[in-house]
């Protein structure tokens, strides 16, 4: 498996490097990621939000590996939420 997370250094939209800190919520576990064994240590990832000074896009800076996000323990399915 490749890296669990990649932290972006540029804007997702315009590729500018002029990113301004917006909010840092610290390290958090993935939402709706259900562990089969409660004794296993849960991965936590930085929840950092920045705003681009050029195009004003507000964005998460971390890209979590899609294999981890949408793997066997993925909890969302269409029609499963009210």
Protein backbone atom coordinates (compact mmCIF):
# COMPACT_ATOMS: atom_id res chain seq x y z
CA UNK A 1 0.00 0.00 0.00
CA UNK A 2 1.24 3.49 -0.79
CA UNK A 3 1.49 6.24 1.84
CA UNK A 4 -1.57 6.64 4.05
CA UNK A 5 -1.74 10.42 3.52
CA UNK A 6 -0.18 13.08 1.33
CA UNK A 7 -0.20 16.69 2.51
CA UNK A 8 -0.77 19.15 -0.33
CA UNK A 9 1.49 22.18 -0.74
CA UNK A 10 -0.52 23.85 -3.53
CA UNK A 11 -4.14 24.84 -4.16
CA UNK A 12 -6.32 22.08 -5.60
CA UNK A 13 -7.90 24.50 -8.09
CA UNK A 14 -5.31 27.02 -9.28
CA UNK A 15 -2.08 25.38 -8.03
CA UNK A 16 -1.03 28.53 -6.16
CA UNK A 17 1.35 28.13 -3.22
CA UNK A 18 -0.22 31.12 -1.44
CA UNK A 19 -2.28 29.23 1.13
CA UNK A 20 -3.51 30.83 4.34
CA UNK A 21 -4.25 28.87 7.51
CA UNK A 22 -7.99 28.73 8.10
CA UNK A 23 -8.48 26.11 10.83
CA UNK A 24 -6.49 23.20 12.23
CA UNK A 25 -8.62 20.63 14.04
CA UNK A 26 -5.69 18.37 14.91
CA UNK A 27 -5.46 14.67 14.18
CA UNK A 28 -8.79 12.87 13.72
CA UNK A 29 -9.82 9.32 12.76
CA UNK A 30 -11.60 8.73 9.46
CA UNK A 31 -15.36 9.28 9.58
CA UNK A 32 -17.50 6.12 9.21
CA UNK A 33 -14.43 3.88 9.35
CA UNK A 34 -15.41 0.91 11.50
CA UNK A 35 -12.72 -1.24 13.09
CA UNK A 36 -13.41 -4.96 13.22
CA UNK A 37 -11.20 -5.35 16.30
CA UNK A 38 -11.60 -2.66 18.98
CA UNK A 39 -8.10 -3.51 20.25
CA UNK A 40 -6.47 -2.30 17.02
CA UNK A 41 -5.00 1.21 17.08
CA UNK A 42 -7.01 3.56 14.88
CA UNK A 43 -5.20 5.68 12.26
CA UNK A 44 -5.59 9.42 12.77
CA UNK A 45 -4.94 12.08 10.16
CA UNK A 46 -4.39 15.86 10.29
CA UNK A 47 -7.58 17.80 9.62
CA UNK A 48 -6.06 21.03 8.30
CA UNK A 49 -8.10 23.55 6.30
CA UNK A 50 -6.54 26.40 4.33
CA UNK A 51 -7.84 29.07 1.98
CA UNK A 52 -6.10 29.99 -1.26
CA UNK A 53 -5.12 33.68 -1.39
CA UNK A 54 -5.44 33.66 -5.19
CA UNK A 55 -8.78 31.91 -5.94
CA UNK A 56 -10.24 31.80 -2.37
CA UNK A 57 -10.95 28.06 -2.44
CA UNK A 58 -11.30 26.66 1.08
CA UNK A 59 -9.81 23.18 1.12
CA UNK A 60 -8.56 20.24 3.15
CA UNK A 61 -4.83 19.85 2.77
CA UNK A 62 -4.57 16.10 3.32
CA UNK A 63 -5.27 13.49 0.66
CA UNK A 64 -5.92 10.16 2.41
CA UNK A 65 -5.05 7.07 0.39
CA UNK A 66 -8.20 6.03 -1.54
CA UNK A 67 -7.54 2.33 -0.81
CA UNK A 68 -7.88 3.13 2.89
CA UNK A 69 -10.86 5.47 2.43
CA UNK A 70 -12.90 3.11 0.26
CA UNK A 71 -11.57 -0.29 1.36
CA UNK A 72 -13.25 -3.23 3.10
CA UNK A 73 -14.33 -1.21 6.15
CA UNK A 74 -15.97 1.56 4.13
CA UNK A 75 -19.25 2.32 5.90
CA UNK A 76 -21.26 4.30 3.34
CA UNK A 77 -23.60 2.83 0.75
CA UNK A 78 -26.20 4.50 -1.45
CA UNK A 79 -29.56 4.76 0.27
CA UNK A 80 -28.07 3.96 3.66
CA UNK A 81 -28.46 7.46 5.09
CA UNK A 82 -31.77 9.25 5.70
